[in-house]
């Protein structure tokens, strides 16, 4: 079953066409990676899918329903959970209270008691490896742990689809490895994930399918092995070699 279908979507900002007649499909249970050079339109695409921006043309279907233009809170209640590249936890609240905000304002939150929400949060914290920090203030966490807190808050919404925007951004090599292991545990639960990532080696390790963006258009998609070997993808990332003059 297809959980997400983006069809012929276009988004312009003044004279700049950030997304240009773009289509993609994500299947349930898939880990779907989106890569592209800086300025390719990756975050703009994620904003369109998650309701933080509306397309000029085209449509977006989620879980079998057209959701084009719906606001982020409505998409969250329908089962779409998103993390952000720049984390913004409630710094003066504890870790578990931060995650509670996800559990209470999710698609199942309205009929959930505080005790039930806390159970969901404890499970999310265990999955990301933050159980021991549950009662720490969120503002006291390292960036690596704040990224994990962001993942836990998304998990607490019990999403049908997780959309992750550069989870590895700003992390050290050791923190990246730790975060990869965390995402592997999340994958093992059967979660459906769409992830934007600047680190190509992270995408190739985690994703089943990779979609390459180039100036708002689809450049190529396929398995990680096919993508990293494709000459146009290599050129988009590294540039076209200069011709030698005789």
Protein backbone atom coordinates (compact mmCIF):
# COMPACT_ATOMS: atom_id res chain seq x y z
CA UNK A 1 0.00 0.00 0.00
CA UNK A 2 1.19 3.51 -0.78
CA UNK A 3 1.18 5.69 2.36
CA UNK A 4 2.26 8.89 0.57
CA UNK A 5 1.75 10.07 -3.01
CA UNK A 6 3.06 13.41 -4.25
CA UNK A 7 1.74 14.14 -7.74
CA UNK A 8 3.00 16.89 -10.10
CA UNK A 9 3.68 19.33 -7.25
CA UNK A 10 5.11 22.76 -7.99
CA UNK A 11 6.12 25.50 -5.53
CA UNK A 12 7.43 28.93 -6.47
CA UNK A 13 8.73 31.78 -4.33
CA UNK A 14 8.47 34.86 -6.50
CA UNK A 15 10.46 34.07 -9.62
CA UNK A 16 12.18 31.05 -8.04
CA UNK A 17 10.64 27.64 -8.72
CA UNK A 18 11.84 25.63 -5.72
CA UNK A 19 9.84 22.48 -6.59
CA UNK A 20 9.13 21.83 -10.24
CA UNK A 21 6.45 19.31 -11.32
CA UNK A 22 7.63 16.74 -8.78
CA UNK A 23 6.07 13.32 -8.17
CA UNK A 24 7.05 10.54 -5.77
CA UNK A 25 5.49 7.56 -4.00
CA UNK A 26 6.31 6.07 -0.60
CA UNK A 27 5.12 2.58 0.37
CA UNK A 28 4.11 1.54 3.87
CA UNK A 29 7.04 0.07 5.78
CA UNK A 30 9.60 1.72 3.52
CA UNK A 31 12.59 3.78 4.61
CA UNK A 32 12.67 6.38 1.84
CA UNK A 33 15.66 8.70 1.58
CA UNK A 34 15.72 12.08 -0.14
CA UNK A 35 19.10 13.56 -1.06
CA UNK A 36 20.30 16.51 -3.08
CA UNK A 37 22.90 19.23 -3.05
CA UNK A 38 22.35 22.42 -1.03
CA UNK A 39 19.44 24.37 -2.51
CA UNK A 40 17.95 21.33 -4.25
CA UNK A 41 14.57 21.87 -2.56
CA UNK A 42 14.64 19.09 0.05
CA UNK A 43 13.25 21.03 3.01
CA UNK A 44 10.75 22.86 0.80
CA UNK A 45 9.41 19.48 -0.31
CA UNK A 46 9.12 18.33 3.30
CA UNK A 47 7.32 21.57 4.19
CA UNK A 48 4.80 20.94 1.40
CA UNK A 49 4.16 17.37 2.53
CA UNK A 50 3.75 18.32 6.20
CA UNK A 51 1.56 21.39 5.69
CA UNK A 52 4.03 24.15 6.51
CA UNK A 53 3.66 25.41 2.94
CA UNK A 54 1.06 24.89 0.21
CA UNK A 55 1.91 23.92 -3.38
CA UNK A 56 1.00 26.19 -6.28
CA UNK A 57 -0.08 23.17 -8.31
CA UNK A 58 -0.32 19.43 -7.82
CA UNK A 59 -1.71 17.20 -5.06
CA UNK A 60 -0.55 15.25 -2.01
CA UNK A 61 -2.26 12.09 -0.79
CA UNK A 62 -1.59 10.57 2.63
CA UNK A 63 -3.02 7.26 3.81
CA UNK A 64 -5.42 7.23 0.87
CA UNK A 65 -6.78 10.77 1.31
CA UNK A 66 -5.99 14.07 -0.39
CA UNK A 67 -4.35 16.30 2.23
CA UNK A 68 -3.06 19.12 0.03
CA UNK A 69 -2.97 22.35 2.01
CA UNK A 70 -4.08 20.90 5.36
CA UNK A 71 -2.35 22.52 8.37
CA UNK A 72 0.40 20.67 10.27
CA UNK A 73 -1.70 19.98 13.39
CA UNK A 74 -4.38 18.26 11.30
CA UNK A 75 -1.78 16.14 9.51
CA UNK A 76 -0.29 15.17 12.87
CA UNK A 77 -3.71 14.03 14.07
CA UNK A 78 -4.03 11.95 10.90
CA UNK A 79 -0.74 10.19 11.66
CA UNK A 80 2.02 12.27 10.07
CA UNK A 81 4.93 13.01 12.43
CA UNK A 82 7.83 15.31 11.65
CA UNK A 83 11.19 16.25 13.14
CA UNK A 84 13.10 19.45 12.36
CA UNK A 85 16.70 20.12 11.42
CA UNK A 86 17.02 22.75 14.16
CA UNK A 87 15.68 21.25 17.37
CA UNK A 88 13.63 23.47 19.67
CA UNK A 89 12.73 21.55 22.83
CA UNK A 90 10.84 23.16 25.69
CA UNK A 91 14.10 23.82 27.54
CA UNK A 92 12.62 24.40 31.02
CA UNK A 93 10.50 21.25 30.89
CA UNK A 94 11.74 17.75 31.64
CA UNK A 95 12.52 15.31 28.86
CA UNK A 96 9.45 13.19 29.53
CA UNK A 97 7.17 16.25 29.71
CA UNK A 98 8.50 17.31 26.29
CA UNK A 99 7.54 13.91 24.93
CA UNK A 100 4.15 14.15 26.64
CA UNK A 101 3.29 17.06 24.35
CA UNK A 102 3.54 14.63 21.45
CA UNK A 103 1.49 11.94 23.17
CA UNK A 104 -1.33 14.28 24.18
CA UNK A 105 -1.69 16.18 20.92
CA UNK A 106 -1.46 13.21 18.57
CA UNK A 107 -4.11 11.33 16.64
CA UNK A 108 -4.92 9.26 19.76
CA UNK A 109 -4.31 12.00 22.29
CA UNK A 110 -7.87 13.21 22.81
CA UNK A 111 -9.06 10.00 24.42
CA UNK A 112 -5.89 9.30 26.35
CA UNK A 113 -5.40 9.69 30.09
CA UNK A 114 -2.19 11.16 31.50
CA UNK A 115 -1.17 7.72 32.75
CA UNK A 116 -1.69 6.22 29.28
CA UNK A 117 0.24 9.08 27.69
CA UNK A 118 3.10 8.55 30.11
CA UNK A 119 3.30 4.87 29.17
CA UNK A 120 3.55 5.80 25.49
CA UNK A 121 6.29 8.32 26.33
CA UNK A 122 8.29 5.83 28.38
CA UNK A 123 8.22 3.39 25.47
CA UNK A 124 9.41 6.11 23.09
CA UNK A 125 12.23 7.17 25.43
CA UNK A 126 13.37 3.57 25.81
CA UNK A 127 13.46 3.12 22.04
CA UNK A 128 15.68 6.17 21.53
CA UNK A 129 17.85 5.49 24.57
CA UNK A 130 16.82 8.39 26.83
CA UNK A 131 15.19 6.52 29.73
CA UNK A 132 17.86 7.59 32.21
CA UNK A 133 17.43 11.25 31.18
CA UNK A 134 13.61 11.23 31.50
CA UNK A 135 13.57 13.67 34.43
CA UNK A 136 16.41 15.91 33.24
CA UNK A 137 15.61 19.36 31.87
CA UNK A 138 15.55 19.25 28.08
CA UNK A 139 17.77 22.33 27.91
CA UNK A 140 20.55 20.47 29.72
CA UNK A 141 20.88 17.79 27.02
CA UNK A 142 23.65 17.69 24.45
CA UNK A 143 22.65 18.35 20.83
CA UNK A 144 22.88 14.62 20.12
CA UNK A 145 20.42 13.84 22.90
CA UNK A 146 18.15 16.71 21.89
CA UNK A 147 17.95 15.10 18.45
CA UNK A 148 16.91 11.85 20.16
CA UNK A 149 14.34 13.78 22.19
CA UNK A 150 12.91 15.11 18.93
CA UNK A 151 12.62 11.54 17.64
CA UNK A 152 10.93 10.41 20.87
CA UNK A 153 8.40 13.23 20.62
CA UNK A 154 7.57 12.16 17.05
CA UNK A 155 7.26 8.53 18.13
CA UNK A 156 4.88 9.53 20.94
CA UNK A 157 2.40 10.77 18.32
CA UNK A 158 2.23 7.13 17.12
CA UNK A 159 2.75 8.18 13.51
CA UNK A 160 1.82 6.18 10.46
CA UNK A 161 4.59 8.09 8.68
CA UNK A 162 7.72 9.73 10.14
CA UNK A 163 9.35 12.57 8.19
CA UNK A 164 12.84 13.43 9.39
CA UNK A 165 14.69 16.58 8.33
CA UNK A 166 18.49 16.19 8.63
CA UNK A 167 18.53 14.35 11.95
CA UNK A 168 22.32 14.08 11.73
CA UNK A 169 22.89 17.79 11.16
CA UNK A 170 25.39 19.29 13.65
CA UNK A 171 26.35 15.96 15.22
CA UNK A 172 29.81 14.56 15.82
CA UNK A 173 30.90 11.34 14.14
CA UNK A 174 30.20 9.36 17.32
CA UNK A 175 26.77 10.96 17.73
CA UNK A 176 25.96 10.15 14.10
CA UNK A 177 26.77 6.48 14.66
CA UNK A 178 24.63 6.48 17.80
CA UNK A 179 21.75 8.13 15.93
CA UNK A 180 22.02 5.61 13.08
CA UNK A 181 21.68 2.80 15.64
CA UNK A 182 18.62 4.55 17.09
CA UNK A 183 17.00 4.82 13.67
CA UNK A 184 17.75 1.16 12.97
CA UNK A 185 15.81 0.24 16.13
CA UNK A 186 12.93 2.43 14.99
CA UNK A 187 13.01 0.79 11.54
CA UNK A 188 12.83 -2.63 13.20
CA UNK A 189 9.42 -1.72 14.64
CA UNK A 190 8.07 -1.56 11.07
CA UNK A 191 7.92 2.24 10.97
CA UNK A 192 7.54 4.03 7.64
CA UNK A 193 10.19 6.74 7.35
CA UNK A 194 10.95 9.50 4.89
CA UNK A 195 14.28 11.09 5.70
CA UNK A 196 16.18 14.01 4.25
CA UNK A 197 19.87 13.75 4.93
CA UNK A 198 22.99 15.56 3.80
CA UNK A 199 25.24 12.65 4.78
CA UNK A 200 24.92 10.24 1.86
CA UNK A 201 26.51 7.36 3.78
CA UNK A 202 23.70 7.59 6.35
CA UNK A 203 21.08 7.31 3.60
CA UNK A 204 22.82 4.33 1.99
CA UNK A 205 22.99 2.51 5.34
CA UNK A 206 19.41 3.11 6.41
CA UNK A 207 17.22 3.49 3.33
CA UNK A 208 15.59 0.94 1.02
CA UNK A 209 14.90 3.51 -1.69
CA UNK A 210 16.61 6.82 -2.49
CA UNK A 211 15.16 9.79 -4.36
CA UNK A 212 17.55 12.42 -5.73
CA UNK A 213 16.48 16.06 -6.05
CA UNK A 214 18.27 18.55 -8.29
CA UNK A 215 17.03 22.15 -8.40
CA UNK A 216 13.49 21.11 -7.48
CA UNK A 217 13.19 18.30 -10.02
CA UNK A 218 13.59 14.54 -9.78
CA UNK A 219 17.05 13.58 -11.00
CA UNK A 220 17.05 9.84 -10.28
CA UNK A 221 15.63 7.28 -7.87
CA UNK A 222 16.39 3.68 -7.05
CA UNK A 223 18.30 1.50 -4.63
CA UNK A 224 21.14 3.11 -2.66
CA UNK A 225 23.70 1.20 -4.74
CA UNK A 226 22.18 2.38 -8.03
CA UNK A 227 21.96 5.98 -6.84
CA UNK A 228 25.54 6.40 -5.66
CA UNK A 229 26.83 4.85 -8.90
CA UNK A 230 24.70 6.98 -11.22
CA UNK A 231 26.83 9.47 -13.21
CA UNK A 232 24.27 12.30 -13.07
CA UNK A 233 24.03 11.97 -9.29
CA UNK A 234 27.80 12.06 -8.98
CA UNK A 235 27.91 15.14 -11.19
CA UNK A 236 25.18 16.90 -9.17
CA UNK A 237 27.16 16.41 -5.96
CA UNK A 238 30.74 16.78 -7.17
CA UNK A 239 30.36 18.91 -10.29
CA UNK A 240 31.25 18.20 -13.89
CA UNK A 241 34.95 17.60 -14.47
CA UNK A 242 36.72 20.31 -16.42
CA UNK A 243 37.69 19.33 -19.92
CA UNK A 244 41.42 19.16 -20.41
CA UNK A 245 42.88 21.33 -23.09
CA UNK A 246 45.44 19.99 -25.50
